[in-house]
Amino acid sequence: MTTSARKKLKTACIDARTTPEALALMKHAAHLQGQSVSDFIASSGVSAASKVIAETEIITLSREASLQPTACRPPYQSTRTNGCPEKGC
């Protein structure tokens, strides 16, 4: 993908305020990743958003599954008598 094609895909804008310390931290991390600060923040935000959505969907599906009626199982039948492994204890 050419640089001009990549720029055309990135048309949305985010304006964020942060502390100087947080900006310095993000600049350092972006540099370590070989990314611009904008690319670093955008990719980190997308990654965090995807994780939150996936975790929320898992929780929602788990709750929905727990509300579904389950087949009744017969009561547990122990082969032991009064906790004794041998009959007649």
N, C-alpha and C. Protein backbone atom coordinates (compact mmCIF):
# COMPACT_ATOMS: atom_id res chain seq x y z
N MET A 1 0.85 -1.17 0.00
CA MET A 1 0.00 0.00 0.00
C MET A 1 0.90 1.23 0.00
N THR A 2 0.62 2.16 -0.87
CA THR A 2 1.44 3.36 -0.95
C THR A 2 1.10 4.31 0.19
N THR A 3 1.99 5.27 0.42
CA THR A 3 1.77 6.24 1.49
C THR A 3 0.50 7.04 1.24
N SER A 4 0.27 7.44 -0.01
CA SER A 4 -0.93 8.23 -0.31
C SER A 4 -2.20 7.41 -0.10
N ALA A 5 -2.16 6.11 -0.42
CA ALA A 5 -3.33 5.25 -0.20
C ALA A 5 -3.58 5.07 1.30
N ARG A 6 -2.52 4.95 2.09
CA ARG A 6 -2.65 4.79 3.53
C ARG A 6 -3.27 6.05 4.14
N LYS A 7 -2.83 7.22 3.70
CA LYS A 7 -3.36 8.48 4.22
C LYS A 7 -4.85 8.61 3.94
N LYS A 8 -5.30 8.13 2.78
CA LYS A 8 -6.71 8.23 2.43
C LYS A 8 -7.58 7.40 3.36
N LEU A 9 -7.05 6.29 3.85
CA LEU A 9 -7.82 5.44 4.74
C LEU A 9 -7.99 6.06 6.12
N LYS A 10 -7.06 6.89 6.53
CA LYS A 10 -7.08 7.51 7.86
C LYS A 10 -7.71 8.89 7.75
N THR A 11 -9.03 8.93 7.80
CA THR A 11 -9.72 10.20 7.66
C THR A 11 -10.36 10.68 8.96
N ALA A 12 -10.53 9.80 9.94
CA ALA A 12 -11.13 10.19 11.22
C ALA A 12 -10.06 10.81 12.12
N CYS A 13 -10.49 11.69 12.99
CA CYS A 13 -9.56 12.40 13.86
C CYS A 13 -9.98 12.26 15.31
N ILE A 14 -8.99 12.10 16.18
CA ILE A 14 -9.22 12.04 17.62
C ILE A 14 -8.43 13.18 18.25
N ASP A 15 -9.05 13.92 19.14
CA ASP A 15 -8.38 14.99 19.87
C ASP A 15 -8.40 14.59 21.33
N ALA A 16 -7.24 14.43 21.93
CA ALA A 16 -7.18 13.98 23.32
C ALA A 16 -6.26 14.88 24.13
N ARG A 17 -6.62 15.08 25.36
CA ARG A 17 -5.80 15.83 26.30
C ARG A 17 -5.22 14.84 27.30
N THR A 18 -3.97 15.08 27.67
CA THR A 18 -3.31 14.21 28.63
C THR A 18 -2.27 15.01 29.39
N THR A 19 -1.66 14.38 30.35
CA THR A 19 -0.61 15.05 31.12
C THR A 19 0.70 15.01 30.33
N PRO A 20 1.59 15.94 30.62
CA PRO A 20 2.91 15.91 29.96
C PRO A 20 3.64 14.58 30.21
N GLU A 21 3.47 14.04 31.41
CA GLU A 21 4.14 12.77 31.74
C GLU A 21 3.59 11.62 30.89
N ALA A 22 2.27 11.58 30.72
CA ALA A 22 1.67 10.52 29.92
C ALA A 22 2.09 10.65 28.46
N LEU A 23 2.16 11.88 27.95
CA LEU A 23 2.59 12.10 26.57
C LEU A 23 4.04 11.65 26.40
N ALA A 24 4.89 11.98 27.35
CA ALA A 24 6.30 11.56 27.28
C ALA A 24 6.40 10.04 27.27
N LEU A 25 5.59 9.38 28.08
CA LEU A 25 5.59 7.92 28.13
C LEU A 25 5.16 7.33 26.79
N MET A 26 4.08 7.89 26.21
CA MET A 26 3.60 7.39 24.92
C MET A 26 4.59 7.67 23.80
N LYS A 27 5.25 8.82 23.85
CA LYS A 27 6.28 9.14 22.84
C LYS A 27 7.43 8.13 22.93
N HIS A 28 7.83 7.83 24.14
CA HIS A 28 8.93 6.86 24.33
C HIS A 28 8.53 5.48 23.82
N ALA A 29 7.33 5.05 24.18
CA ALA A 29 6.85 3.73 23.73
C ALA A 29 6.72 3.70 22.21
N ALA A 30 6.20 4.76 21.62
CA ALA A 30 6.06 4.83 20.16
C ALA A 30 7.43 4.74 19.49
N HIS A 31 8.41 5.45 20.05
CA HIS A 31 9.77 5.40 19.50
C HIS A 31 10.33 3.97 19.57
N LEU A 32 10.12 3.30 20.70
CA LEU A 32 10.61 1.93 20.85
C LEU A 32 9.96 0.98 19.85
N GLN A 33 8.71 1.26 19.49
CA GLN A 33 7.98 0.44 18.52
C GLN A 33 8.25 0.86 17.08
N GLY A 34 8.95 1.95 16.91
CA GLY A 34 9.21 2.45 15.55
C GLY A 34 7.97 3.04 14.90
N GLN A 35 7.09 3.63 15.72
CA GLN A 35 5.85 4.20 15.23
C GLN A 35 5.79 5.68 15.56
N SER A 36 4.93 6.37 14.84
CA SER A 36 4.63 7.75 15.23
C SER A 36 3.75 7.69 16.48
N VAL A 37 3.69 8.79 17.20
CA VAL A 37 2.84 8.83 18.39
C VAL A 37 1.38 8.59 17.98
N SER A 38 0.95 9.20 16.89
CA SER A 38 -0.43 9.02 16.43
C SER A 38 -0.72 7.55 16.12
N ASP A 39 0.18 6.90 15.38
CA ASP A 39 -0.02 5.49 15.06
C ASP A 39 0.00 4.62 16.31
N PHE A 40 0.90 4.94 17.24
CA PHE A 40 0.98 4.18 18.47
C PHE A 40 -0.31 4.30 19.28
N ILE A 41 -0.80 5.53 19.43
CA ILE A 41 -2.02 5.75 20.20
C ILE A 41 -3.22 5.09 19.51
N ALA A 42 -3.30 5.23 18.20
CA ALA A 42 -4.43 4.63 17.46
C ALA A 42 -4.40 3.11 17.57
N SER A 43 -3.24 2.49 17.37
CA SER A 43 -3.18 1.02 17.42
C SER A 43 -3.40 0.52 18.85
N SER A 44 -2.88 1.23 19.84
CA SER A 44 -3.11 0.84 21.24
C SER A 44 -4.57 0.98 21.61
N GLY A 45 -5.21 2.04 21.13
CA GLY A 45 -6.63 2.24 21.41
C GLY A 45 -7.49 1.17 20.78
N VAL A 46 -7.18 0.82 19.53
CA VAL A 46 -7.94 -0.23 18.84
C VAL A 46 -7.74 -1.57 19.54
N SER A 47 -6.52 -1.85 19.96
CA SER A 47 -6.23 -3.10 20.66
C SER A 47 -6.98 -3.17 21.98
N ALA A 48 -6.96 -2.08 22.75
CA ALA A 48 -7.66 -2.06 24.03
C ALA A 48 -9.17 -2.17 23.82
N ALA A 49 -9.70 -1.48 22.81
CA ALA A 49 -11.13 -1.54 22.54
C ALA A 49 -11.56 -2.95 22.14
N SER A 50 -10.77 -3.60 21.31
CA SER A 50 -11.09 -4.97 20.89
C SER A 50 -11.11 -5.92 22.08
N LYS A 51 -10.16 -5.74 22.98
CA LYS A 51 -10.09 -6.60 24.17
C LYS A 51 -11.31 -6.40 25.06
N VAL A 52 -11.69 -5.14 25.29
CA VAL A 52 -12.87 -4.85 26.13
C VAL A 52 -14.13 -5.45 25.52
N ILE A 53 -14.29 -5.28 24.21
CA ILE A 53 -15.47 -5.80 23.53
C ILE A 53 -15.52 -7.32 23.61
N ALA A 54 -14.38 -7.97 23.35
CA ALA A 54 -14.34 -9.44 23.41
C ALA A 54 -14.65 -9.95 24.81
N GLU A 55 -14.07 -9.32 25.84
CA GLU A 55 -14.33 -9.75 27.22
C GLU A 55 -15.79 -9.54 27.59
N THR A 56 -16.36 -8.43 27.16
CA THR A 56 -17.77 -8.15 27.46
C THR A 56 -18.68 -9.15 26.77
N GLU A 57 -18.36 -9.50 25.52
CA GLU A 57 -19.17 -10.48 24.81
C GLU A 57 -19.09 -11.85 25.46
N ILE A 58 -17.92 -12.22 25.96
CA ILE A 58 -17.76 -13.51 26.64
C ILE A 58 -18.61 -13.52 27.91
N ILE A 59 -18.56 -12.43 28.67
CA ILE A 59 -19.36 -12.35 29.90
C ILE A 59 -20.84 -12.42 29.57
N THR A 60 -21.25 -11.69 28.54
CA THR A 60 -22.67 -11.69 28.14
C THR A 60 -23.11 -13.07 27.71
N LEU A 61 -22.30 -13.75 26.90
CA LEU A 61 -22.65 -15.09 26.45
C LEU A 61 -22.70 -16.07 27.62
N SER A 62 -21.78 -15.90 28.57
CA SER A 62 -21.78 -16.77 29.75
C SER A 62 -23.05 -16.58 30.57
N ARG A 63 -23.45 -15.32 30.74
CA ARG A 63 -24.68 -15.05 31.49
C ARG A 63 -25.88 -15.63 30.77
N GLU A 64 -25.94 -15.44 29.46
CA GLU A 64 -27.06 -15.98 28.68
C GLU A 64 -27.10 -17.50 28.78
N ALA A 65 -25.94 -18.13 28.72
CA ALA A 65 -25.88 -19.58 28.81
C ALA A 65 -26.32 -20.06 30.18
N SER A 66 -25.98 -19.31 31.22
CA SER A 66 -26.36 -19.74 32.57
C SER A 66 -27.86 -19.58 32.81
N LEU A 67 -28.53 -18.76 32.01
CA LEU A 67 -29.97 -18.59 32.15
C LEU A 67 -30.76 -19.63 31.37
N GLN A 68 -30.08 -20.37 30.50
CA GLN A 68 -30.76 -21.39 29.71
C GLN A 68 -31.07 -22.58 30.60
N PRO A 69 -32.26 -23.15 30.46
CA PRO A 69 -32.58 -24.33 31.27
C PRO A 69 -31.69 -25.51 30.86
N THR A 70 -31.28 -26.28 31.83
CA THR A 70 -30.45 -27.45 31.56
C THR A 70 -31.27 -28.70 31.84
N ALA A 71 -30.86 -29.77 31.22
CA ALA A 71 -31.53 -31.05 31.45
C ALA A 71 -31.28 -31.48 32.89
N CYS A 72 -32.30 -31.98 33.53
CA CYS A 72 -32.16 -32.44 34.91
C CYS A 72 -31.39 -33.75 34.93
N ARG A 73 -30.49 -33.85 35.87
CA ARG A 73 -29.74 -35.09 36.04
C ARG A 73 -30.34 -35.85 37.22
N PRO A 74 -30.27 -37.17 37.17
CA PRO A 74 -30.75 -37.93 38.32
C PRO A 74 -29.87 -37.65 39.52
N PRO A 75 -30.41 -37.75 40.72
CA PRO A 75 -29.60 -37.49 41.91
C PRO A 75 -28.42 -38.45 41.97
N TYR A 76 -27.36 -37.99 42.58
CA TYR A 76 -26.15 -38.81 42.73
C TYR A 76 -26.47 -40.02 43.59
N GLN A 77 -26.11 -41.18 43.08
CA GLN A 77 -26.32 -42.43 43.82
C GLN A 77 -24.96 -42.95 44.28
N SER A 78 -24.75 -42.94 45.55
CA SER A 78 -23.49 -43.42 46.08
C SER A 78 -23.52 -44.94 46.21
N THR A 79 -22.39 -45.55 45.89
CA THR A 79 -22.28 -47.00 46.09
C THR A 79 -21.78 -47.28 47.49
N ARG A 80 -21.43 -46.24 48.21
CA ARG A 80 -20.94 -46.41 49.57
C ARG A 80 -22.09 -46.32 50.55
N THR A 81 -21.88 -46.96 51.68
CA THR A 81 -22.87 -46.91 52.75
C THR A 81 -22.25 -46.14 53.90
N ASN A 82 -22.86 -45.02 54.24
CA ASN A 82 -22.36 -44.19 55.34
C ASN A 82 -20.88 -43.83 55.18
N GLY A 83 -20.45 -43.64 53.98
CA GLY A 83 -19.08 -43.24 53.73
C GLY A 83 -18.08 -44.37 53.80
N CYS A 84 -18.54 -45.59 54.03
CA CYS A 84 -17.65 -46.73 54.12
C CYS A 84 -17.49 -47.36 52.74
N PRO A 85 -16.26 -47.56 52.26
CA PRO A 85 -16.05 -48.10 50.94
C PRO A 85 -16.52 -49.55 50.78
N GLU A 86 -16.66 -50.27 51.85
CA GLU A 86 -17.11 -51.66 51.77
C GLU A 86 -18.52 -51.76 52.33
N LYS A 87 -19.34 -52.58 51.68
CA LYS A 87 -20.70 -52.77 52.18
C LYS A 87 -20.64 -53.54 53.49
N GLY A 88 -21.52 -53.14 54.37
CA GLY A 88 -21.60 -53.85 55.64
C GLY A 88 -20.67 -53.33 56.71
N CYS A 89 -20.01 -52.21 56.49
CA CYS A 89 -19.12 -51.65 57.53
C CYS A 89 -19.92 -51.14 58.69
